[in-house]
């Protein structure tokens, strides 16, 4: 059985062609797409796909911890199938979002909780700067 089919089933969701296509797309990309981007990339190859289907599916995936939603500061919700704790870095020039797995930040929730006595549910650590590709274009 396909690993992505298993993950969707384990999350308690019915596996539909649309859900599988959306999850496969998210698992196989590192671009942190918006719902519109997902729709545009899948609409021709996935029968029954509508933008509303994409939004409803992403909402179900979020509720069942199959994806995380992040706001990179561009006014669009972006989605990431890597749900374990990690940071992101955003290029302020081209808008690309990159994953960052920094050991120093992996236990930041526990440190902040201990420091403030807050019971923390989540955190999003996002850095902003100009990526090497855009820096090269500026030269």
C-alpha atoms as a PDB file:
ATOM      1  CA  UNK A   1       0.000   0.000   0.000  1.00  0.00           C
ATOM      2  CA  UNK A   2       1.196   3.501  -0.825  1.00  0.00           C
ATOM      3  CA  UNK A   3       2.719   5.218   2.249  1.00  0.00           C
ATOM      4  CA  UNK A   4       0.654   8.355   1.627  1.00  0.00           C
ATOM      5  CA  UNK A   5      -2.561   6.313   1.450  1.00  0.00           C
ATOM      6  CA  UNK A   6      -1.624   4.774   4.802  1.00  0.00           C
ATOM      7  CA  UNK A   7      -0.936   8.180   6.386  1.00  0.00           C
ATOM      8  CA  UNK A   8      -4.294   9.552   5.242  1.00  0.00           C
ATOM      9  CA  UNK A   9      -6.092   6.452   6.558  1.00  0.00           C
ATOM     10  CA  UNK A  10      -4.173   6.558   9.859  1.00  0.00           C
ATOM     11  CA  UNK A  11      -5.345  10.149  10.269  1.00  0.00           C
ATOM     12  CA  UNK A  12      -8.910   8.842  10.142  1.00  0.00           C
ATOM     13  CA  UNK A  13      -9.709  10.357   6.760  1.00  0.00           C
ATOM     14  CA  UNK A  14     -11.312   8.694   3.766  1.00  0.00           C
ATOM     15  CA  UNK A  15      -8.868   8.336   0.891  1.00  0.00           C
ATOM     16  CA  UNK A  16     -10.189  10.016  -2.247  1.00  0.00           C
ATOM     17  CA  UNK A  17      -8.312  10.631  -5.500  1.00  0.00           C
ATOM     18  CA  UNK A  18      -8.332  14.372  -4.768  1.00  0.00           C
ATOM     19  CA  UNK A  19      -7.006  13.989  -1.216  1.00  0.00           C
ATOM     20  CA  UNK A  20      -4.321  11.599  -2.365  1.00  0.00           C
ATOM     21  CA  UNK A  21      -3.260  13.909  -5.214  1.00  0.00           C
ATOM     22  CA  UNK A  22      -3.024  16.899  -2.862  1.00  0.00           C
ATOM     23  CA  UNK A  23      -1.082  14.976  -0.213  1.00  0.00           C
ATOM     24  CA  UNK A  24       1.254  13.422  -2.804  1.00  0.00           C
ATOM     25  CA  UNK A  25       1.910  16.895  -4.197  1.00  0.00           C
ATOM     26  CA  UNK A  26       2.723  18.318  -0.760  1.00  0.00           C
ATOM     27  CA  UNK A  27       4.962  15.409   0.211  1.00  0.00           C
ATOM     28  CA  UNK A  28       6.915  15.698  -3.034  1.00  0.00           C
ATOM     29  CA  UNK A  29       7.516  19.443  -3.076  1.00  0.00           C
ATOM     30  CA  UNK A  30       9.677  21.745  -1.012  1.00  0.00           C
ATOM     31  CA  UNK A  31       8.113  24.990  -2.257  1.00  0.00           C
ATOM     32  CA  UNK A  32       5.512  25.407   0.531  1.00  0.00           C
ATOM     33  CA  UNK A  33       2.657  26.070  -1.911  1.00  0.00           C
ATOM     34  CA  UNK A  34      -0.533  28.023  -1.371  1.00  0.00           C
ATOM     35  CA  UNK A  35      -3.946  26.448  -2.040  1.00  0.00           C
ATOM     36  CA  UNK A  36      -4.072  28.287  -5.375  1.00  0.00           C
ATOM     37  CA  UNK A  37      -0.686  26.885  -6.401  1.00  0.00           C
ATOM     38  CA  UNK A  38      -1.767  23.365  -5.478  1.00  0.00           C
ATOM     39  CA  UNK A  39      -4.988  23.771  -7.453  1.00  0.00           C
ATOM     40  CA  UNK A  40      -3.229  25.150 -10.541  1.00  0.00           C
ATOM     41  CA  UNK A  41      -0.727  22.279 -10.512  1.00  0.00           C
ATOM     42  CA  UNK A  42      -3.341  19.539 -10.097  1.00  0.00           C
ATOM     43  CA  UNK A  43      -6.500  20.731 -11.837  1.00  0.00           C
ATOM     44  CA  UNK A  44      -5.750  19.162 -15.224  1.00  0.00           C
ATOM     45  CA  UNK A  45      -4.620  15.781 -13.906  1.00  0.00           C
ATOM     46  CA  UNK A  46      -7.114  15.278 -11.065  1.00  0.00           C
ATOM     47  CA  UNK A  47     -10.786  14.814 -12.041  1.00  0.00           C
ATOM     48  CA  UNK A  48     -13.268  16.485  -9.716  1.00  0.00           C
ATOM     49  CA  UNK A  49     -10.686  18.914  -8.397  1.00  0.00           C
ATOM     50  CA  UNK A  50     -11.945  22.377  -7.553  1.00  0.00           C
ATOM     51  CA  UNK A  51     -10.375  25.164  -5.547  1.00  0.00           C
ATOM     52  CA  UNK A  52     -13.006  24.543  -2.860  1.00  0.00           C
ATOM     53  CA  UNK A  53     -11.911  20.884  -2.723  1.00  0.00           C
ATOM     54  CA  UNK A  54      -8.315  21.966  -2.199  1.00  0.00           C
ATOM     55  CA  UNK A  55      -9.257  24.322   0.650  1.00  0.00           C
ATOM     56  CA  UNK A  56     -11.506  21.731   2.357  1.00  0.00           C
ATOM     57  CA  UNK A  57      -8.844  19.050   2.001  1.00  0.00           C
ATOM     58  CA  UNK A  58      -6.108  21.280   3.423  1.00  0.00           C
ATOM     59  CA  UNK A  59      -8.338  22.132   6.370  1.00  0.00           C
ATOM     60  CA  UNK A  60      -8.954  18.418   7.039  1.00  0.00           C
ATOM     61  CA  UNK A  61      -5.219  17.718   6.722  1.00  0.00           C
ATOM     62  CA  UNK A  62      -4.409  20.515   9.203  1.00  0.00           C
ATOM     63  CA  UNK A  63      -6.941  19.236  11.744  1.00  0.00           C
ATOM     64  CA  UNK A  64      -5.439  15.758  11.476  1.00  0.00           C
ATOM     65  CA  UNK A  65      -1.786  16.869  11.620  1.00  0.00           C
ATOM     66  CA  UNK A  66      -0.918  15.795   8.082  1.00  0.00           C
ATOM     67  CA  UNK A  67       0.224  19.307   7.144  1.00  0.00           C
ATOM     68  CA  UNK A  68       1.097  22.556   8.833  1.00  0.00           C
ATOM     69  CA  UNK A  69      -0.030  25.961   7.664  1.00  0.00           C
ATOM     70  CA  UNK A  70       2.354  28.863   7.766  1.00  0.00           C
ATOM     71  CA  UNK A  71       2.149  32.529   6.980  1.00  0.00           C
ATOM     72  CA  UNK A  72       5.352  33.658   5.313  1.00  0.00           C
ATOM     73  CA  UNK A  73       4.322  37.312   5.363  1.00  0.00           C
ATOM     74  CA  UNK A  74       3.034  37.428   1.776  1.00  0.00           C
ATOM     75  CA  UNK A  75      -0.669  37.332   2.662  1.00  0.00           C
ATOM     76  CA  UNK A  76      -1.113  33.694   1.607  1.00  0.00           C
ATOM     77  CA  UNK A  77      -1.370  30.589   3.726  1.00  0.00           C
ATOM     78  CA  UNK A  78       1.348  28.154   2.718  1.00  0.00           C
ATOM     79  CA  UNK A  79       1.364  24.416   3.417  1.00  0.00           C
ATOM     80  CA  UNK A  80       4.091  22.002   4.458  1.00  0.00           C
ATOM     81  CA  UNK A  81       3.790  18.211   4.766  1.00  0.00           C
ATOM     82  CA  UNK A  82       6.765  18.145   7.128  1.00  0.00           C
ATOM     83  CA  UNK A  83       4.938  18.369  10.421  1.00  0.00           C
ATOM     84  CA  UNK A  84       7.772  17.780  12.858  1.00  0.00           C
ATOM     85  CA  UNK A  85       9.148  20.834  14.612  1.00  0.00           C
ATOM     86  CA  UNK A  86      11.290  22.929  12.287  1.00  0.00           C
ATOM     87  CA  UNK A  87      11.878  26.545  11.298  1.00  0.00           C
ATOM     88  CA  UNK A  88      11.622  28.299   7.945  1.00  0.00           C
ATOM     89  CA  UNK A  89      13.510  31.000   6.084  1.00  0.00           C
ATOM     90  CA  UNK A  90      11.811  33.242   3.511  1.00  0.00           C
ATOM     91  CA  UNK A  91      13.466  35.145   0.693  1.00  0.00           C
ATOM     92  CA  UNK A  92      12.058  38.674   0.793  1.00  0.00           C
ATOM     93  CA  UNK A  93      12.927  39.094  -2.875  1.00  0.00           C
ATOM     94  CA  UNK A  94      11.496  36.008  -4.638  1.00  0.00           C
ATOM     95  CA  UNK A  95       9.198  34.793  -1.842  1.00  0.00           C
ATOM     96  CA  UNK A  96      10.551  31.232  -1.770  1.00  0.00           C
ATOM     97  CA  UNK A  97      10.246  29.472   1.591  1.00  0.00           C
ATOM     98  CA  UNK A  98      12.907  27.017   2.752  1.00  0.00           C
ATOM     99  CA  UNK A  99      12.852  24.485   5.591  1.00  0.00           C
ATOM    100  CA  UNK A 100      15.419  24.876   8.372  1.00  0.00           C
ATOM    101  CA  UNK A 101      16.257  22.054  10.739  1.00  0.00           C
ATOM    102  CA  UNK A 102      18.340  23.713  13.417  1.00  0.00           C
ATOM    103  CA  UNK A 103      19.212  21.593  16.459  1.00  0.00           C
ATOM    104  CA  UNK A 104      19.492  24.786  18.518  1.00  0.00           C
ATOM    105  CA  UNK A 105      15.798  25.591  18.007  1.00  0.00           C
ATOM    106  CA  UNK A 106      14.308  22.105  18.298  1.00  0.00           C
ATOM    107  CA  UNK A 107      13.576  22.416  22.017  1.00  0.00           C
ATOM    108  CA  UNK A 108      12.772  26.129  22.046  1.00  0.00           C
ATOM    109  CA  UNK A 109       9.147  25.463  23.053  1.00  0.00           C
ATOM    110  CA  UNK A 110      10.293  23.765  26.274  1.00  0.00           C
ATOM    111  CA  UNK A 111      12.793  26.538  27.019  1.00  0.00           C
ATOM    112  CA  UNK A 112      10.223  29.305  26.508  1.00  0.00           C
ATOM    113  CA  UNK A 113       7.621  27.411  28.515  1.00  0.00           C
ATOM    114  CA  UNK A 114      10.061  27.015  31.419  1.00  0.00           C
ATOM    115  CA  UNK A 115      11.072  30.671  31.227  1.00  0.00           C
ATOM    116  CA  UNK A 116       7.527  32.102  31.075  1.00  0.00           C
ATOM    117  CA  UNK A 117       5.371  29.414  32.734  1.00  0.00           C
ATOM    118  CA  UNK A 118       3.177  29.451  29.636  1.00  0.00           C
ATOM    119  CA  UNK A 119       1.666  26.176  28.468  1.00  0.00           C
ATOM    120  CA  UNK A 120       2.677  26.480  24.810  1.00  0.00           C
ATOM    121  CA  UNK A 121       0.739  24.727  22.065  1.00  0.00           C
ATOM    122  CA  UNK A 122       2.866  25.582  19.072  1.00  0.00           C
ATOM    123  CA  UNK A 123       5.482  27.906  17.659  1.00  0.00           C
ATOM    124  CA  UNK A 124       6.527  29.197  14.267  1.00  0.00           C
ATOM    125  CA  UNK A 125      10.054  30.486  13.861  1.00  0.00           C
ATOM    126  CA  UNK A 126      10.512  32.207  10.503  1.00  0.00           C
ATOM    127  CA  UNK A 127      13.616  34.062   9.369  1.00  0.00           C
ATOM    128  CA  UNK A 128      13.616  36.575   6.504  1.00  0.00           C
ATOM    129  CA  UNK A 129      16.420  37.549   4.157  1.00  0.00           C
ATOM    130  CA  UNK A 130      17.627  37.417   0.539  1.00  0.00           C
ATOM    131  CA  UNK A 131      18.452  33.955  -0.827  1.00  0.00           C
ATOM    132  CA  UNK A 132      21.763  33.220  -2.609  1.00  0.00           C
ATOM    133  CA  UNK A 133      20.040  33.024  -6.010  1.00  0.00           C
ATOM    134  CA  UNK A 134      18.514  36.477  -5.647  1.00  0.00           C
ATOM    135  CA  UNK A 135      21.796  37.853  -4.326  1.00  0.00           C
ATOM    136  CA  UNK A 136      23.526  36.573  -7.475  1.00  0.00           C
ATOM    137  CA  UNK A 137      20.849  38.198  -9.649  1.00  0.00           C
ATOM    138  CA  UNK A 138      21.482  41.553  -7.945  1.00  0.00           C
ATOM    139  CA  UNK A 139      25.182  41.548  -8.831  1.00  0.00           C
END
